[in-house]
Amino acid sequence: MPLSENEQRILRQIEQQLERDPTFSTRGYRVPRRRVVGLSLALAGALALTVLLLGVTVWLSLAGFLGSLAIAVLLEREVRVVARERLSALPLSAWLGAANRRRTGGSGTTGPSASEEVD
């Protein structure tokens, strides 16, 4: 259901007010890239250790795999927070523009084209 002109105007006003708010961009939870990189390296190391431990005993390899699984879950949570933060940084006009393009089939216009006659 498309937004009315009044609703779009209200959303633009809210977006402009948030852009002017100096504390708005500093709020929220920010994930340092260092943590994501560290968890990625830890996951690669844990997987390599799991493969190496296969030569020693299956039980140690299983413990290494469980450690890899725990690191992978932590990494997934951090990446999800980063993705949510990046998406929330998009301006509202980008969201409205994308909805407009989907609704009209990618042309970005909602009115009649030049080749269509208006009665």
C-alpha atoms as a PDB file:
ATOM      1  CA  MET A   1       0.000   0.000   0.000  1.00  0.00           C
ATOM      2  CA  PRO A   2       1.656   3.234  -1.116  1.00  0.00           C
ATOM      3  CA  LEU A   3       2.011   6.176   1.231  1.00  0.00           C
ATOM      4  CA  SER A   4      -0.121   9.231   0.689  1.00  0.00           C
ATOM      5  CA  GLU A   5       1.494  12.574  -0.111  1.00  0.00           C
ATOM      6  CA  ASN A   6       0.838  13.735   3.449  1.00  0.00           C
ATOM      7  CA  GLU A   7       2.514  10.634   4.922  1.00  0.00           C
ATOM      8  CA  GLN A   8       5.517  11.069   2.620  1.00  0.00           C
ATOM      9  CA  ARG A   9       5.811  14.730   3.644  1.00  0.00           C
ATOM     10  CA  ILE A  10       5.711  13.776   7.343  1.00  0.00           C
ATOM     11  CA  LEU A  11       8.379  11.109   6.800  1.00  0.00           C
ATOM     12  CA  ARG A  12      10.613  13.606   4.970  1.00  0.00           C
ATOM     13  CA  GLN A  13      10.231  16.058   7.858  1.00  0.00           C
ATOM     14  CA  ILE A  14      11.176  13.377  10.376  1.00  0.00           C
ATOM     15  CA  GLU A  15      14.189  12.418   8.263  1.00  0.00           C
ATOM     16  CA  GLN A  16      15.339  16.051   8.073  1.00  0.00           C
ATOM     17  CA  GLN A  17      14.965  16.472  11.835  1.00  0.00           C
ATOM     18  CA  LEU A  18      17.004  13.328  12.474  1.00  0.00           C
ATOM     19  CA  GLU A  19      19.720  14.501  10.066  1.00  0.00           C
ATOM     20  CA  ARG A  20      20.009  17.765  12.016  1.00  0.00           C
ATOM     21  CA  ASP A  21      20.180  15.973  15.387  1.00  0.00           C
ATOM     22  CA  PRO A  22      23.911  15.749  16.280  1.00  0.00           C
ATOM     23  CA  THR A  23      23.390  13.041  18.903  1.00  0.00           C
ATOM     24  CA  PHE A  24      21.336  10.759  16.662  1.00  0.00           C
ATOM     25  CA  SER A  25      24.331   9.376  14.763  1.00  0.00           C
ATOM     26  CA  THR A  26      26.238   8.639  17.981  1.00  0.00           C
ATOM     27  CA  ARG A  27      23.420   6.649  19.584  1.00  0.00           C
ATOM     28  CA  GLY A  28      23.134   2.921  19.296  1.00  0.00           C
ATOM     29  CA  TYR A  29      25.498   0.011  19.389  1.00  0.00           C
ATOM     30  CA  ARG A  30      28.564   0.095  17.191  1.00  0.00           C
ATOM     31  CA  VAL A  31      30.585  -3.021  16.519  1.00  0.00           C
ATOM     32  CA  PRO A  32      34.293  -2.486  16.019  1.00  0.00           C
ATOM     33  CA  ARG A  33      35.625  -4.042  12.832  1.00  0.00           C
ATOM     34  CA  ARG A  34      38.516  -5.335  14.870  1.00  0.00           C
ATOM     35  CA  ARG A  35      36.159  -7.740  16.666  1.00  0.00           C
ATOM     36  CA  VAL A  36      34.722  -9.078  13.410  1.00  0.00           C
ATOM     37  CA  VAL A  37      38.195  -9.550  11.924  1.00  0.00           C
ATOM     38  CA  GLY A  38      39.424 -11.196  15.139  1.00  0.00           C
ATOM     39  CA  LEU A  39      36.507 -13.606  15.215  1.00  0.00           C
ATOM     40  CA  SER A  40      37.038 -14.436  11.533  1.00  0.00           C
ATOM     41  CA  LEU A  41      40.693 -15.260  12.155  1.00  0.00           C
ATOM     42  CA  ALA A  42      39.779 -17.256  15.265  1.00  0.00           C
ATOM     43  CA  LEU A  43      37.251 -19.255  13.251  1.00  0.00           C
ATOM     44  CA  ALA A  44      39.812 -20.035  10.545  1.00  0.00           C
ATOM     45  CA  GLY A  45      42.337 -21.085  13.197  1.00  0.00           C
ATOM     46  CA  ALA A  46      39.804 -23.235  15.041  1.00  0.00           C
ATOM     47  CA  LEU A  47      38.819 -25.003  11.831  1.00  0.00           C
ATOM     48  CA  ALA A  48      42.472 -25.647  10.979  1.00  0.00           C
ATOM     49  CA  LEU A  49      43.032 -26.963  14.507  1.00  0.00           C
ATOM     50  CA  THR A  50      40.011 -29.254  14.131  1.00  0.00           C
ATOM     51  CA  VAL A  51      41.483 -30.774  10.958  1.00  0.00           C
ATOM     52  CA  LEU A  52      44.907 -31.199  12.571  1.00  0.00           C
ATOM     53  CA  LEU A  53      43.371 -32.833  15.642  1.00  0.00           C
ATOM     54  CA  LEU A  54      41.780 -35.472  13.437  1.00  0.00           C
ATOM     55  CA  GLY A  55      45.232 -37.036  13.231  1.00  0.00           C
ATOM     56  CA  VAL A  56      45.483 -37.266  17.033  1.00  0.00           C
ATOM     57  CA  THR A  57      42.058 -38.420  18.159  1.00  0.00           C
ATOM     58  CA  VAL A  58      38.461 -37.999  17.182  1.00  0.00           C
ATOM     59  CA  TRP A  59      37.505 -36.699  20.639  1.00  0.00           C
ATOM     60  CA  LEU A  60      39.939 -33.789  20.507  1.00  0.00           C
ATOM     61  CA  SER A  61      38.768 -33.049  16.988  1.00  0.00           C
ATOM     62  CA  LEU A  62      35.172 -33.023  18.212  1.00  0.00           C
ATOM     63  CA  ALA A  63      36.125 -30.539  20.942  1.00  0.00           C
ATOM     64  CA  GLY A  64      37.823 -28.370  18.306  1.00  0.00           C
ATOM     65  CA  PHE A  65      34.717 -28.522  16.145  1.00  0.00           C
ATOM     66  CA  LEU A  66      32.494 -27.446  19.046  1.00  0.00           C
ATOM     67  CA  GLY A  67      34.863 -24.530  19.666  1.00  0.00           C
ATOM     68  CA  SER A  68      34.637 -23.618  15.967  1.00  0.00           C
ATOM     69  CA  LEU A  69      30.876 -23.760  16.164  1.00  0.00           C
ATOM     70  CA  ALA A  70      30.819 -21.424  19.169  1.00  0.00           C
ATOM     71  CA  ILE A  71      33.093 -18.935  17.392  1.00  0.00           C
ATOM     72  CA  ALA A  72      30.928 -19.127  14.263  1.00  0.00           C
ATOM     73  CA  VAL A  73      27.814 -18.281  16.301  1.00  0.00           C
ATOM     74  CA  LEU A  74      29.571 -15.278  17.866  1.00  0.00           C
ATOM     75  CA  LEU A  75      30.760 -14.123  14.436  1.00  0.00           C
ATOM     76  CA  GLU A  76      27.267 -14.444  12.980  1.00  0.00           C
ATOM     77  CA  ARG A  77      25.835 -12.263  15.754  1.00  0.00           C
ATOM     78  CA  GLU A  78      28.444  -9.566  15.181  1.00  0.00           C
ATOM     79  CA  VAL A  79      27.936  -9.568  11.407  1.00  0.00           C
ATOM     80  CA  ARG A  80      24.174  -9.319  11.897  1.00  0.00           C
ATOM     81  CA  VAL A  81      24.627  -6.234  14.114  1.00  0.00           C
ATOM     82  CA  VAL A  82      26.937  -4.638  11.535  1.00  0.00           C
ATOM     83  CA  ALA A  83      24.450  -5.318   8.734  1.00  0.00           C
ATOM     84  CA  ARG A  84      21.565  -3.897  10.770  1.00  0.00           C
ATOM     85  CA  GLU A  85      23.634  -0.792  11.505  1.00  0.00           C
ATOM     86  CA  ARG A  86      24.503  -0.292   7.826  1.00  0.00           C
ATOM     87  CA  LEU A  87      20.890  -0.673   6.748  1.00  0.00           C
ATOM     88  CA  SER A  88      19.685   1.765   9.367  1.00  0.00           C
ATOM     89  CA  ALA A  89      22.196   4.330   8.072  1.00  0.00           C
ATOM     90  CA  LEU A  90      20.352   4.528   4.755  1.00  0.00           C
ATOM     91  CA  PRO A  91      18.205   7.647   4.427  1.00  0.00           C
ATOM     92  CA  LEU A  92      14.472   7.233   4.380  1.00  0.00           C
ATOM     93  CA  SER A  93      14.331   8.483   0.796  1.00  0.00           C
ATOM     94  CA  ALA A  94      16.372   5.434  -0.274  1.00  0.00           C
ATOM     95  CA  TRP A  95      13.767   3.138   1.274  1.00  0.00           C
ATOM     96  CA  LEU A  96      10.886   5.043  -0.333  1.00  0.00           C
ATOM     97  CA  GLY A  97      12.672   5.147  -3.682  1.00  0.00           C
ATOM     98  CA  ALA A  98      13.237   1.391  -3.636  1.00  0.00           C
ATOM     99  CA  ALA A  99       9.566   0.768  -2.895  1.00  0.00           C
ATOM    100  CA  ASN A 100       8.651   3.082  -5.761  1.00  0.00           C
ATOM    101  CA  ARG A 101      10.934   1.233  -8.194  1.00  0.00           C
ATOM    102  CA  ARG A 102       9.516  -2.161  -7.175  1.00  0.00           C
ATOM    103  CA  ARG A 103       5.948  -0.947  -7.582  1.00  0.00           C
ATOM    104  CA  THR A 104       6.529   0.544 -11.043  1.00  0.00           C
ATOM    105  CA  GLY A 105       8.764  -2.169 -12.407  1.00  0.00           C
ATOM    106  CA  GLY A 106      12.074  -0.339 -12.093  1.00  0.00           C
ATOM    107  CA  SER A 107      11.356   2.885 -13.954  1.00  0.00           C
ATOM    108  CA  GLY A 108      11.207   5.002 -10.791  1.00  0.00           C
ATOM    109  CA  THR A 109       8.212   6.985 -12.044  1.00  0.00           C
ATOM    110  CA  THR A 110       4.656   6.541 -10.914  1.00  0.00           C
ATOM    111  CA  GLY A 111       2.857   8.713 -13.455  1.00  0.00           C
ATOM    112  CA  PRO A 112       1.828   7.867 -17.005  1.00  0.00           C
ATOM    113  CA  SER A 113       4.642   7.659 -19.508  1.00  0.00           C
ATOM    114  CA  ALA A 114       4.938   9.924 -22.512  1.00  0.00           C
ATOM    115  CA  SER A 115       3.630   7.202 -24.827  1.00  0.00           C
ATOM    116  CA  GLU A 116       0.414   6.718 -22.814  1.00  0.00           C
ATOM    117  CA  GLU A 117      -2.576   8.921 -23.395  1.00  0.00           C
ATOM    118  CA  VAL A 118      -4.296  10.525 -20.440  1.00  0.00           C
ATOM    119  CA  ASP A 119      -8.071  10.890 -20.777  1.00  0.00           C
END
